[in-house]
N, C-alpha and C. Protein backbone atom coordinates (compact mmCIF):
# COMPACT_ATOMS: atom_id res chain seq x y z
N MET A 1 0.55 -0.98 0.11
CA MET A 1 0.19 -0.21 -0.08
C MET A 1 1.06 1.17 -0.39
N SER A 2 0.56 2.45 -0.98
CA SER A 2 1.12 3.71 -0.89
C SER A 2 0.24 4.81 -0.54
N ARG A 3 1.34 5.58 0.09
CA ARG A 3 0.49 6.79 0.32
C ARG A 3 0.78 7.64 -0.66
N VAL A 4 -0.83 8.19 -1.91
CA VAL A 4 -0.69 9.08 -3.26
C VAL A 4 -1.05 9.97 -2.92
N VAL A 5 -0.63 11.32 -3.13
CA VAL A 5 -1.23 12.62 -3.06
C VAL A 5 -1.76 12.60 -5.03
N LEU A 6 -2.96 13.08 -4.85
CA LEU A 6 -3.52 12.98 -6.75
C LEU A 6 -3.69 14.35 -6.55
N TYR A 7 -2.94 15.09 -7.94
CA TYR A 7 -2.67 16.45 -7.94
C TYR A 7 -4.34 16.18 -9.34
N ASP A 8 -5.14 17.56 -8.46
CA ASP A 8 -6.24 17.59 -9.72
C ASP A 8 -6.79 16.12 -10.78
N ALA A 9 -7.19 15.79 -9.57
CA ALA A 9 -7.00 14.31 -10.25
C ALA A 9 -9.14 14.02 -9.76
N ALA A 10 -9.51 13.77 -11.23
CA ALA A 10 -10.80 13.19 -10.85
C ALA A 10 -11.53 12.40 -9.98
N PRO A 11 -12.78 12.64 -10.01
CA PRO A 11 -13.15 11.85 -8.63
C PRO A 11 -13.52 10.32 -8.76
N TRP A 12 -13.27 10.30 -9.95
CA TRP A 12 -13.25 8.24 -10.57
C TRP A 12 -11.88 7.80 -10.57
N VAL A 13 -11.09 9.04 -10.85
CA VAL A 13 -9.66 8.10 -10.45
C VAL A 13 -8.96 8.23 -8.72
N GLU A 14 -9.85 8.74 -8.20
CA GLU A 14 -9.83 8.65 -7.04
C GLU A 14 -10.09 7.84 -6.41
N THR A 15 -11.59 7.26 -6.80
CA THR A 15 -12.05 6.11 -6.50
C THR A 15 -11.37 4.61 -6.65
N ALA A 16 -10.28 4.89 -8.23
CA ALA A 16 -9.91 3.32 -8.85
C ALA A 16 -8.56 3.26 -7.60
N VAL A 17 -8.09 4.26 -7.38
CA VAL A 17 -6.87 4.85 -6.34
C VAL A 17 -6.78 3.70 -4.87
N LEU A 18 -7.59 4.45 -4.80
CA LEU A 18 -8.40 3.63 -3.38
C LEU A 18 -8.85 2.56 -3.41
N GLN A 19 -9.29 1.67 -4.71
CA GLN A 19 -9.59 0.60 -4.65
C GLN A 19 -8.87 -0.53 -5.19
N ALA A 20 -7.47 0.33 -5.10
CA ALA A 20 -6.33 -0.55 -5.60
C ALA A 20 -5.63 -1.08 -4.46
N GLY A 21 -6.16 -0.42 -3.00
CA GLY A 21 -5.79 -0.59 -1.71
C GLY A 21 -4.81 0.50 -0.83
N HIS A 22 -4.76 1.54 -1.91
CA HIS A 22 -3.79 2.37 -1.82
C HIS A 22 -4.42 3.64 -1.07
N GLN A 23 -3.82 4.68 -0.03
CA GLN A 23 -4.34 6.02 0.97
C GLN A 23 -4.15 7.35 0.02
N VAL A 24 -5.22 8.11 -0.17
CA VAL A 24 -5.13 9.63 -0.94
C VAL A 24 -4.99 10.84 -0.48
N LEU A 25 -4.05 11.36 -0.88
CA LEU A 25 -4.30 12.98 -0.18
C LEU A 25 -4.78 13.75 -1.21
N ARG A 26 -6.04 14.32 -1.63
CA ARG A 26 -6.53 14.77 -2.86
C ARG A 26 -6.12 16.16 -2.74
N LEU A 27 -5.11 16.56 -3.85
CA LEU A 27 -5.31 18.35 -3.67
C LEU A 27 -5.85 18.80 -5.29
N THR A 28 -6.71 19.89 -5.23
CA THR A 28 -7.29 20.32 -5.91
C THR A 28 -6.86 22.50 -6.21
N GLN A 29 -5.89 21.72 -7.65
CA GLN A 29 -5.94 23.69 -7.64
C GLN A 29 -7.06 24.34 -7.22
N PRO A 30 -6.56 25.69 -6.22
CA PRO A 30 -7.29 26.55 -6.09
C PRO A 30 -7.96 27.61 -7.51
N ARG A 31 -8.98 28.35 -7.60
CA ARG A 31 -9.12 29.29 -8.91
C ARG A 31 -8.21 29.98 -8.83
N GLY A 32 -7.56 30.85 -8.34
CA GLY A 32 -6.30 31.35 -7.95
C GLY A 32 -4.84 30.50 -8.41
N GLY A 33 -4.89 29.45 -8.63
CA GLY A 33 -3.65 28.65 -8.94
C GLY A 33 -2.90 28.40 -7.52
N TRP A 34 -2.05 28.09 -7.75
CA TRP A 34 -1.07 27.18 -6.34
C TRP A 34 0.12 28.69 -6.17
N ALA A 35 -0.51 29.14 -5.17
CA ALA A 35 0.24 30.52 -4.92
C ALA A 35 0.09 31.14 -3.97
N GLY A 36 1.63 31.80 -3.12
CA GLY A 36 1.17 32.13 -2.07
C GLY A 36 1.10 31.06 -0.84
N LEU A 37 0.01 31.48 -0.07
CA LEU A 37 0.09 30.46 1.28
C LEU A 37 -0.73 29.49 0.78
N THR A 38 -1.35 29.52 0.03
CA THR A 38 -1.76 28.51 -0.63
C THR A 38 -1.02 27.10 -1.02
N LYS A 39 -0.20 27.70 -1.96
CA LYS A 39 1.22 26.59 -2.10
C LYS A 39 1.31 26.16 -0.64
N TRP A 40 1.78 26.82 0.65
CA TRP A 40 2.92 26.56 1.34
C TRP A 40 2.04 25.34 1.99
N ARG A 41 0.74 25.83 2.36
CA ARG A 41 -0.12 25.08 2.83
C ARG A 41 -0.08 23.47 2.24
N SER A 42 -0.30 23.55 1.29
CA SER A 42 -0.39 22.41 0.45
C SER A 42 0.86 21.40 0.42
N GLY A 43 1.29 22.03 0.23
CA GLY A 43 2.92 21.10 0.79
C GLY A 43 3.29 20.88 2.11
N ARG A 44 2.86 21.72 3.09
CA ARG A 44 2.91 21.62 4.33
C ARG A 44 2.28 20.20 4.67
N THR A 45 0.97 20.15 4.07
CA THR A 45 -0.35 19.17 4.17
C THR A 45 0.09 17.40 3.44
N ALA A 46 0.81 17.71 2.29
CA ALA A 46 1.71 16.42 1.43
C ALA A 46 2.39 16.05 2.50
N GLN A 47 3.49 16.86 3.02
CA GLN A 47 4.91 16.47 3.78
C GLN A 47 3.96 15.59 4.83
N ALA A 48 3.12 16.49 5.54
CA ALA A 48 2.65 15.95 7.07
C ALA A 48 1.52 13.82 6.83
N PHE A 49 1.41 14.01 5.46
CA PHE A 49 0.69 12.89 5.15
C PHE A 49 1.53 11.58 4.40
N MET A 50 2.81 11.76 4.77
CA MET A 50 4.13 11.02 4.33
C MET A 50 4.35 10.54 2.96
N ALA A 51 3.71 11.31 1.84
CA ALA A 51 3.61 10.79 1.05
C ALA A 51 4.30 9.64 -0.03
N ASP A 52 4.29 8.56 -0.59
CA ASP A 52 4.95 8.15 -1.37
C ASP A 52 5.11 8.37 -2.76
N CYS A 53 4.23 9.53 -3.43
CA CYS A 53 4.36 9.79 -4.55
C CYS A 53 2.97 10.53 -4.56
N VAL A 54 3.59 11.42 -6.02
CA VAL A 54 2.59 12.66 -6.60
C VAL A 54 1.79 11.53 -8.27
N MET A 55 0.54 11.73 -7.88
CA MET A 55 0.11 11.34 -9.32
C MET A 55 -1.09 12.50 -9.40
N ALA A 56 -0.18 12.75 -10.84
CA ALA A 56 -1.18 14.18 -11.94
C ALA A 56 -1.02 13.68 -13.01
N ALA A 57 -2.11 14.35 -14.12
CA ALA A 57 -1.90 14.30 -15.26
C ALA A 57 -0.94 15.05 -16.19
N ASP A 58 -0.63 16.19 -15.64
CA ASP A 58 0.28 17.13 -16.45
C ASP A 58 0.54 18.56 -15.16
N GLY A 59 1.66 19.39 -15.36
CA GLY A 59 1.60 20.78 -14.98
C GLY A 59 2.45 20.36 -14.15
N ALA A 60 3.19 21.44 -14.11
CA ALA A 60 5.05 21.91 -13.52
C ALA A 60 4.59 22.00 -12.48
N GLU A 61 3.37 22.56 -11.73
CA GLU A 61 3.70 22.04 -10.33
C GLU A 61 3.36 21.17 -9.18
N ALA A 62 2.88 20.33 -10.08
CA ALA A 62 2.86 18.69 -9.67
C ALA A 62 4.51 18.33 -9.46
N ALA A 63 5.28 18.74 -10.55
CA ALA A 63 6.47 18.13 -10.57
C ALA A 63 7.42 18.97 -9.24
N ALA A 64 6.67 20.24 -9.12
CA ALA A 64 7.82 20.75 -8.25
C ALA A 64 7.25 20.31 -6.73
N LEU A 65 6.29 19.91 -6.30
CA LEU A 65 5.83 19.41 -5.84
C LEU A 65 6.21 17.98 -5.27
N ALA A 66 6.42 17.13 -6.16
CA ALA A 66 6.73 15.93 -5.94
C ALA A 66 8.83 16.06 -5.85
N ARG A 67 9.26 17.17 -6.24
CA ARG A 67 10.53 17.42 -5.98
C ARG A 67 10.77 17.75 -4.49
N THR A 68 10.10 18.52 -4.28
CA THR A 68 9.88 19.00 -2.92
C THR A 68 9.68 18.52 -2.20
N LEU A 69 9.37 17.12 -1.99
CA LEU A 69 8.57 15.69 -1.43
C LEU A 69 9.79 14.37 -1.20
N GLY A 70 10.27 14.86 -1.92
CA GLY A 70 11.68 14.00 -2.63
C GLY A 70 10.92 12.63 -3.28
N VAL A 71 10.02 12.59 -3.95
CA VAL A 71 9.54 11.31 -3.98
C VAL A 71 8.69 11.45 -5.46
N ALA A 72 8.63 10.22 -6.33
CA ALA A 72 8.18 10.44 -7.95
C ALA A 72 6.92 11.05 -8.34
N ARG A 73 6.59 11.48 -9.77
CA ARG A 73 5.71 11.98 -10.05
C ARG A 73 5.06 10.66 -10.82
N ILE A 74 3.73 10.16 -10.66
CA ILE A 74 3.46 9.24 -11.47
C ILE A 74 2.39 9.83 -12.73
N ASP A 75 2.23 9.67 -13.88
CA ASP A 75 1.95 9.96 -14.80
C ASP A 75 0.49 8.96 -14.98
N MET A 76 -0.49 10.27 -14.44
CA MET A 76 -2.23 9.78 -14.74
C MET A 76 -2.74 9.92 -16.02
N PRO A 77 -3.70 8.80 -16.18
CA PRO A 77 -4.12 9.33 -17.65
C PRO A 77 -4.82 10.26 -18.39
N GLY A 78 -3.81 10.74 -19.38
CA GLY A 78 -4.60 11.74 -19.83
C GLY A 78 -6.27 11.85 -20.21
N ASP A 79 -6.53 10.84 -20.39
CA ASP A 79 -8.40 10.55 -20.79
C ASP A 79 -9.00 10.44 -19.36
N SER A 80 -8.28 10.95 -18.36
CA SER A 80 -9.07 9.95 -17.00
C SER A 80 -10.81 10.70 -16.97
N ALA A 81 -11.50 11.65 -17.95
CA ALA A 81 -12.47 12.00 -17.88
C ALA A 81 -13.21 10.30 -18.36
N PHE A 82 -12.82 9.51 -19.20
CA PHE A 82 -13.82 8.43 -19.85
C PHE A 82 -13.37 7.35 -18.52
N LEU A 83 -13.10 7.52 -17.28
CA LEU A 83 -13.18 6.50 -16.49
C LEU A 83 -14.66 6.41 -15.78
N LEU A 84 -15.11 7.17 -16.39
CA LEU A 84 -16.47 7.33 -15.93
C LEU A 84 -17.35 6.04 -15.55
N PRO A 85 -18.75 5.92 -14.49
CA PRO A 85 -18.76 4.65 -14.39
C PRO A 85 -19.91 3.65 -15.35
N ARG A 86 -19.61 3.36 -16.08
CA ARG A 86 -20.22 2.13 -17.04
C ARG A 86 -21.84 2.36 -17.21
N HIS A 87 -22.23 2.51 -15.93
CA HIS A 87 -23.34 2.52 -16.01
C HIS A 87 -24.49 3.97 -15.11
N LEU A 88 -25.06 4.86 -15.88
CA LEU A 88 -24.59 6.32 -15.59
C LEU A 88 -26.74 6.65 -14.65
N PRO A 89 -27.08 7.21 -14.15
CA PRO A 89 -28.17 7.12 -13.63
C PRO A 89 -28.94 8.04 -14.21
N LEU A 90 -30.17 7.98 -14.02
CA LEU A 90 -30.98 8.51 -15.22
C LEU A 90 -30.71 10.32 -14.77
N PRO A 91 -31.07 10.83 -13.97
CA PRO A 91 -30.56 12.61 -14.03
C PRO A 91 -29.63 12.74 -14.68
N PHE A 92 -28.85 11.97 -14.73
CA PHE A 92 -27.25 12.12 -15.12
C PHE A 92 -27.47 12.64 -16.90
N ARG A 93 -28.76 11.87 -17.51
CA ARG A 93 -28.65 11.64 -18.87
C ARG A 93 -30.13 12.78 -19.06
N ALA A 94 -30.76 13.35 -18.41
CA ALA A 94 -31.52 14.46 -18.39
C ALA A 94 -31.07 15.73 -17.52
N THR A 95 -29.83 16.11 -17.20
CA THR A 95 -29.19 17.10 -17.13
C THR A 95 -28.06 17.26 -17.31
N ALA A 96 -27.07 16.14 -17.40
CA ALA A 96 -25.22 16.94 -17.33
C ALA A 96 -25.42 17.27 -18.80
N PRO A 97 -25.59 16.54 -20.29
CA PRO A 97 -25.41 17.54 -21.49
C PRO A 97 -26.58 18.54 -21.61
N LEU A 98 -25.78 19.67 -21.63
CA LEU A 98 -26.35 20.95 -21.86
C LEU A 98 -26.82 20.83 -23.15
N MET A 99 -28.46 21.42 -23.02
CA MET A 99 -29.04 21.59 -23.56
C MET A 99 -30.06 22.62 -24.22
N ALA A 100 -30.51 22.60 -25.49
CA ALA A 100 -31.11 23.71 -25.94
C ALA A 100 -31.69 23.66 -27.02
N GLY A 101 -32.93 24.28 -27.60
CA GLY A 101 -32.99 23.90 -29.22
C GLY A 101 -34.70 24.28 -29.29
N PRO A 102 -35.14 23.90 -30.64
CA PRO A 102 -35.95 24.29 -31.03
C PRO A 102 -37.44 24.35 -29.73
N PRO A 103 -38.41 25.06 -29.79
CA PRO A 103 -39.76 24.71 -28.63
C PRO A 103 -40.40 22.98 -28.71
N GLY A 104 -40.84 22.90 -27.86
CA GLY A 104 -41.51 21.55 -27.96
C GLY A 104 -40.52 20.97 -27.09
N PRO A 105 -41.32 19.58 -27.30
CA PRO A 105 -40.48 17.90 -26.27
C PRO A 105 -39.24 17.87 -27.25
N ILE A 106 -37.89 17.63 -26.33
CA ILE A 106 -36.48 17.62 -26.65
C ILE A 106 -36.42 15.98 -25.90
N LEU A 107 -36.03 15.22 -27.08
CA LEU A 107 -35.43 13.85 -26.52
C LEU A 107 -34.57 13.81 -25.42
N PRO A 108 -33.84 13.25 -24.38
CA PRO A 108 -32.91 13.33 -23.60
C PRO A 108 -31.83 12.56 -24.41
N ASP A 109 -32.08 11.85 -25.31
CA ASP A 109 -31.58 11.33 -25.90
C ASP A 109 -30.57 11.83 -26.89
N ILE A 110 -30.66 13.39 -27.15
CA ILE A 110 -30.34 14.19 -28.00
C ILE A 110 -30.20 15.57 -27.13
N ALA A 111 -28.08 15.61 -27.11
CA ALA A 111 -27.79 16.48 -26.45
C ALA A 111 -26.75 17.26 -27.23
N MET A 112 -27.69 18.43 -27.44
CA MET A 112 -27.20 20.15 -27.95
C MET A 112 -26.07 20.55 -27.15
N VAL A 113 -24.49 20.04 -27.69
CA VAL A 113 -23.53 20.61 -26.51
C VAL A 113 -22.97 21.42 -26.63
N ARG A 114 -22.72 22.27 -25.49
CA ARG A 114 -21.60 23.92 -25.58
C ARG A 114 -20.59 23.77 -24.61
N ASP A 115 -20.84 22.78 -23.63
CA ASP A 115 -19.68 23.05 -22.58
C ASP A 115 -18.79 21.70 -22.95
N GLU A 116 -17.52 22.04 -23.07
CA GLU A 116 -16.14 22.10 -23.70
C GLU A 116 -15.49 21.19 -22.17
N LYS A 117 -16.32 20.61 -20.93
CA LYS A 117 -15.81 20.24 -20.01
C LYS A 117 -15.57 19.29 -19.94
N PRO A 118 -14.21 18.04 -19.86
CA PRO A 118 -14.21 16.44 -20.76
C PRO A 118 -14.92 16.01 -19.56
N ASP A 119 -15.62 16.19 -18.67
CA ASP A 119 -16.73 14.83 -17.94
C ASP A 119 -17.66 15.13 -18.67
N VAL A 120 -18.33 16.55 -19.05
CA VAL A 120 -20.27 16.70 -19.61
C VAL A 120 -19.62 15.68 -21.48
N LEU A 121 -18.83 15.72 -21.85
CA LEU A 121 -18.10 15.56 -22.99
C LEU A 121 -18.31 14.14 -23.58
N ALA A 122 -17.45 13.40 -21.83
CA ALA A 122 -17.50 12.02 -21.70
C ALA A 122 -19.07 11.36 -21.05
N GLY A 123 -19.63 12.43 -20.55
CA GLY A 123 -20.41 11.93 -20.74
C GLY A 123 -21.85 11.78 -21.33
N CYS A 124 -21.48 12.45 -22.34
CA CYS A 124 -22.78 12.34 -23.27
C CYS A 124 -22.52 11.12 -24.04
N LEU A 125 -21.26 10.99 -24.40
CA LEU A 125 -20.69 9.29 -25.02
C LEU A 125 -21.44 8.31 -24.06
N ALA A 126 -21.22 8.41 -22.79
CA ALA A 126 -21.41 7.47 -21.91
C ALA A 126 -22.46 7.08 -22.09
N ALA A 127 -23.71 7.99 -21.94
CA ALA A 127 -25.08 8.16 -21.87
C ALA A 127 -25.23 7.65 -23.51
N GLY A 128 -25.16 7.55 -24.43
CA GLY A 128 -25.57 7.00 -25.92
C GLY A 128 -26.01 8.16 -26.68
N CYS A 129 -26.19 9.16 -26.08
CA CYS A 129 -26.64 10.75 -26.44
C CYS A 129 -26.20 10.85 -28.26
N ALA A 130 -27.35 11.48 -28.77
CA ALA A 130 -26.89 11.89 -29.88
C ALA A 130 -26.43 13.06 -30.63
N VAL A 131 -25.52 13.70 -30.73
CA VAL A 131 -24.74 14.86 -30.12
C VAL A 131 -24.95 16.22 -31.41
N VAL A 132 -25.37 17.09 -30.85
CA VAL A 132 -24.70 18.50 -31.78
C VAL A 132 -23.88 19.62 -31.19
N ALA A 133 -22.97 19.44 -31.97
CA ALA A 133 -22.32 20.01 -31.46
C ALA A 133 -21.96 21.47 -32.42
N PRO A 134 -20.69 22.42 -31.71
CA PRO A 134 -20.04 23.36 -33.08
C PRO A 134 -19.08 22.68 -33.30
N ASP A 135 -18.32 22.98 -34.33
CA ASP A 135 -17.30 22.16 -34.93
C ASP A 135 -15.68 23.11 -34.52
N THR A 136 -15.35 22.36 -33.12
CA THR A 136 -14.31 23.29 -32.71
C THR A 136 -13.31 22.12 -32.53
N PRO A 137 -12.19 22.51 -32.26
CA PRO A 137 -11.59 21.23 -32.42
C PRO A 137 -11.63 20.14 -31.36
N ALA A 138 -12.14 20.73 -29.64
CA ALA A 138 -12.34 20.33 -28.96
C ALA A 138 -13.28 19.47 -28.96
N MET A 139 -14.33 20.42 -29.51
CA MET A 139 -15.33 18.90 -29.95
C MET A 139 -15.25 17.72 -31.02
N ARG A 140 -14.36 18.24 -31.90
CA ARG A 140 -13.78 16.95 -32.68
C ARG A 140 -12.71 16.17 -31.94
N ARG A 141 -11.94 16.66 -30.98
CA ARG A 141 -10.97 15.69 -30.28
C ARG A 141 -12.34 14.54 -29.36
N ALA A 142 -13.08 14.93 -28.83
CA ALA A 142 -14.42 14.91 -27.83
C ALA A 142 -15.07 13.56 -28.18
N PHE A 143 -15.42 13.82 -29.70
CA PHE A 143 -16.17 12.89 -30.41
C PHE A 143 -16.21 12.38 -31.53
N GLY A 144 -14.82 12.42 -31.99
CA GLY A 144 -14.18 11.77 -33.15
C GLY A 144 -15.00 12.28 -34.47
N PRO A 145 -15.07 11.58 -35.73
CA PRO A 145 -15.68 11.79 -36.45
C PRO A 145 -16.77 11.48 -37.06
N ARG A 146 -17.26 10.04 -36.16
CA ARG A 146 -18.81 10.00 -36.37
C ARG A 146 -19.80 9.96 -35.61
N ALA A 147 -19.27 10.48 -33.93
CA ALA A 147 -20.49 10.37 -32.53
C ALA A 147 -21.22 11.80 -32.50
N ALA A 148 -20.79 12.81 -33.60
CA ALA A 148 -21.64 13.93 -33.39
C ALA A 148 -21.67 14.41 -34.76
N LEU A 149 -23.66 15.26 -34.73
CA LEU A 149 -23.45 16.23 -36.08
C LEU A 149 -22.60 17.29 -35.85
N TYR A 150 -21.86 18.51 -36.50
CA TYR A 150 -21.38 20.01 -35.98
C TYR A 150 -22.08 20.59 -36.90
N HIS A 151 -21.57 21.94 -36.16
CA HIS A 151 -22.64 22.94 -36.81
C HIS A 151 -21.54 24.16 -36.54
N ASP A 152 -21.43 25.13 -37.70
CA ASP A 152 -20.53 26.07 -37.57
C ASP A 152 -20.92 27.10 -36.59
N PRO A 153 -19.94 27.07 -35.67
CA PRO A 153 -20.33 28.25 -34.17
C PRO A 153 -20.85 29.35 -34.46
N SER A 154 -20.70 29.74 -35.88
CA SER A 154 -21.05 31.73 -35.33
C SER A 154 -22.71 31.23 -36.41
N ASP A 155 -23.09 30.11 -36.19
CA ASP A 155 -24.77 29.73 -37.20
C ASP A 155 -25.55 29.86 -36.42
N PRO A 156 -26.40 30.42 -35.68
CA PRO A 156 -27.15 29.65 -34.53
C PRO A 156 -28.24 28.95 -35.20
N ALA A 157 -28.75 29.33 -35.91
CA ALA A 157 -29.68 28.68 -36.91
C ALA A 157 -29.47 27.23 -37.19
N ALA A 158 -28.41 26.92 -36.56
CA ALA A 158 -27.59 25.54 -37.32
C ALA A 158 -27.94 24.90 -35.95
N VAL A 159 -28.21 24.88 -34.86
CA VAL A 159 -28.43 23.88 -34.07
C VAL A 159 -29.95 23.50 -34.15
N GLU A 160 -30.66 24.71 -34.55
CA GLU A 160 -32.21 24.02 -34.25
C GLU A 160 -32.20 23.74 -35.70
N ARG A 161 -32.00 23.72 -36.71
CA ARG A 161 -32.25 23.03 -38.03
C ARG A 161 -31.13 21.12 -37.33
N LEU A 162 -30.42 20.78 -37.29
CA LEU A 162 -29.48 19.64 -36.78
C LEU A 162 -30.53 19.07 -35.82
N ALA A 163 -31.19 20.23 -35.15
CA ALA A 163 -31.80 18.90 -33.96
C ALA A 163 -33.07 18.89 -34.26
N ASN A 164 -33.83 19.19 -35.29
CA ASN A 164 -34.90 19.28 -35.79
C ASN A 164 -34.53 18.59 -36.84
N GLU A 165 -33.52 17.75 -37.73
CA GLU A 165 -33.31 16.74 -38.70
C GLU A 165 -33.41 15.67 -37.70
N LEU A 166 -32.79 15.52 -36.87
CA LEU A 166 -32.72 14.46 -35.64
C LEU A 166 -33.75 13.84 -35.17
N LEU A 167 -34.67 14.85 -34.44
CA LEU A 167 -35.79 14.71 -34.19
C LEU A 167 -36.86 13.91 -35.32
N ALA A 168 -36.45 13.76 -36.82
CA ALA A 168 -36.99 13.38 -37.89
C ALA A 168 -37.03 12.35 -37.98
N ASP A 169 -35.26 12.50 -37.75
CA ASP A 169 -35.34 11.06 -38.49
C ASP A 169 -34.66 10.18 -37.32
N PRO A 170 -35.62 8.94 -36.53
CA PRO A 170 -35.34 8.29 -35.65
C PRO A 170 -33.91 7.40 -36.14
N ALA A 171 -33.85 6.74 -37.15
CA ALA A 171 -32.75 6.02 -37.35
C ALA A 171 -31.49 6.62 -37.56
N ARG A 172 -31.70 7.74 -38.23
CA ARG A 172 -29.88 8.98 -37.72
C ARG A 172 -29.36 9.06 -36.92
N CYS A 173 -30.80 9.33 -35.76
CA CYS A 173 -30.54 9.27 -35.03
C CYS A 173 -29.80 8.05 -33.68
N GLU A 174 -30.29 7.20 -34.05
CA GLU A 174 -29.54 6.15 -33.25
C GLU A 174 -28.64 5.59 -34.02
N THR A 175 -28.11 5.71 -34.99
CA THR A 175 -27.35 5.66 -35.53
C THR A 175 -26.06 6.27 -35.27
N LEU A 176 -26.40 7.68 -34.56
CA LEU A 176 -25.47 8.57 -33.96
C LEU A 176 -25.41 7.97 -32.65
N ARG A 177 -26.06 7.77 -31.70
CA ARG A 177 -26.19 7.21 -30.35
C ARG A 177 -25.23 5.67 -30.21
N GLN A 178 -25.44 4.56 -31.23
CA GLN A 178 -24.76 3.48 -31.77
C GLN A 178 -23.19 3.88 -31.30
N ALA A 179 -22.81 5.35 -32.57
CA ALA A 179 -21.49 5.46 -32.14
C ALA A 179 -20.67 6.14 -31.73
N ALA A 180 -21.53 6.72 -30.64
CA ALA A 180 -21.07 7.44 -29.38
C ALA A 180 -20.89 6.47 -28.70
N ARG A 181 -21.88 5.48 -28.22
CA ARG A 181 -21.56 4.26 -27.21
C ARG A 181 -20.21 3.49 -27.82
N ALA A 182 -20.07 3.24 -28.66
CA ALA A 182 -18.69 2.65 -29.50
C ALA A 182 -17.91 3.27 -29.57
N GLU A 183 -17.64 4.67 -29.37
CA GLU A 183 -16.84 5.28 -29.17
C GLU A 183 -16.12 6.04 -27.75
N PHE A 184 -17.12 5.60 -26.88
CA PHE A 184 -17.09 5.56 -25.73
C PHE A 184 -16.21 4.18 -25.01
N GLU A 185 -16.91 3.24 -25.43
CA GLU A 185 -15.99 1.71 -25.38
C GLU A 185 -14.92 1.75 -25.77
N ALA A 186 -14.33 2.19 -26.56
CA ALA A 186 -12.87 2.04 -26.57
C ALA A 186 -12.47 3.23 -26.10
N ARG A 187 -12.89 4.56 -26.05
CA ARG A 187 -11.85 5.64 -24.87
C ARG A 187 -11.93 5.10 -23.70
N HIS A 188 -13.03 4.59 -23.24
CA HIS A 188 -12.79 4.02 -21.70
C HIS A 188 -11.89 2.37 -21.48
N ALA A 189 -11.68 1.63 -22.44
CA ALA A 189 -10.93 1.01 -22.04
C ALA A 189 -9.25 1.16 -22.31
N ALA A 190 -9.12 1.96 -22.98
CA ALA A 190 -7.92 2.96 -23.44
C ALA A 190 -7.62 3.22 -21.79
N ALA A 191 -7.93 4.04 -21.06
CA ALA A 191 -8.28 5.12 -20.21
C ALA A 191 -7.63 4.41 -19.18
N ARG A 192 -8.95 2.73 -18.59
CA ARG A 192 -8.84 1.80 -17.90
C ARG A 192 -7.53 0.88 -17.79
N ALA A 193 -6.83 0.90 -19.20
CA ALA A 193 -5.84 0.15 -19.61
C ALA A 193 -4.30 1.04 -18.79
N ALA A 194 -4.15 2.42 -19.11
CA ALA A 194 -3.50 3.60 -18.89
C ALA A 194 -3.42 3.63 -17.36
N LEU A 195 -4.81 3.77 -16.67
CA LEU A 195 -4.81 3.77 -15.07
C LEU A 195 -4.35 2.26 -14.76
N ARG A 196 -4.52 1.45 -15.09
CA ARG A 196 -3.55 0.18 -14.54
C ARG A 196 -2.21 0.37 -14.58
N GLN A 197 -2.06 0.26 -15.51
CA GLN A 197 0.04 1.24 -15.72
C GLN A 197 0.33 2.12 -14.78
N SER A 198 -0.38 3.23 -14.65
CA SER A 198 -0.17 4.29 -13.64
C SER A 198 -0.08 3.38 -12.39
N LEU A 199 -0.97 2.56 -12.01
CA LEU A 199 -1.84 2.32 -10.33
C LEU A 199 -0.29 0.72 -10.60
N ALA A 200 0.06 0.36 -11.12
CA ALA A 200 0.97 -0.33 -11.22
C ALA A 200 2.67 0.24 -10.76
N SER A 201 2.71 1.77 -11.43
CA SER A 201 3.76 2.29 -10.43
C SER A 201 3.54 3.24 -9.66
N VAL A 202 2.62 3.19 -8.61
CA VAL A 202 2.04 3.87 -7.70
C VAL A 202 2.59 2.11 -7.20
N GLY A 203 2.39 1.46 -7.50
CA GLY A 203 2.54 0.32 -6.12
C GLY A 203 3.84 -0.19 -6.28
N SER A 204 5.26 0.43 -7.41
CA SER A 204 6.20 0.16 -6.96
C SER A 204 6.77 1.13 -6.54
N GLN A 205 6.38 2.47 -5.53
CA GLN A 205 7.33 3.75 -4.89
C GLN A 205 6.62 3.17 -3.33
N ALA A 206 6.24 2.06 -3.11
CA ALA A 206 5.67 1.97 -1.71
C ALA A 206 7.34 1.22 -0.59
């Protein structure tokens, strides 16, 4: 068993580390960044925890903390957002994907996404939503070529048009939903494999 400092880690990564039998100290970067008294307190807290390693996705501050503590820095999977629960609760499907669109009923399985937070994007895939998203690099990275309908971000009417097309074409909607589930499964498996490698490295630090 190791004492692991998790630096800006998602809750499901923390759960995986705990399930592997390690003790965890979770440090979350404050809104103003790691500076001044907050940085000093975090370092003292980690020292009192007697950490064996610092586990982080990236960041110079995490590397500096590891050097200060004299312990190893272990890479955390960059796609940690895809370590979501395999079966999401129904309220997540209805509320987490940010929806907007034409008047009248909108199926929960259609998500008009605007938020670029990784956990929201991964959640849309995990829920098997048919996604309508702005054509930006972040959205393309999140959904790939087949799991979303993309629209020009500068064209506000495009969102309503694509949403209406999906509502009128259940077969196309289902094709998108299947592509979303397949994309999630592939990336979920890759993230799990990367996390297993990271946890093996954590164990070797004890």
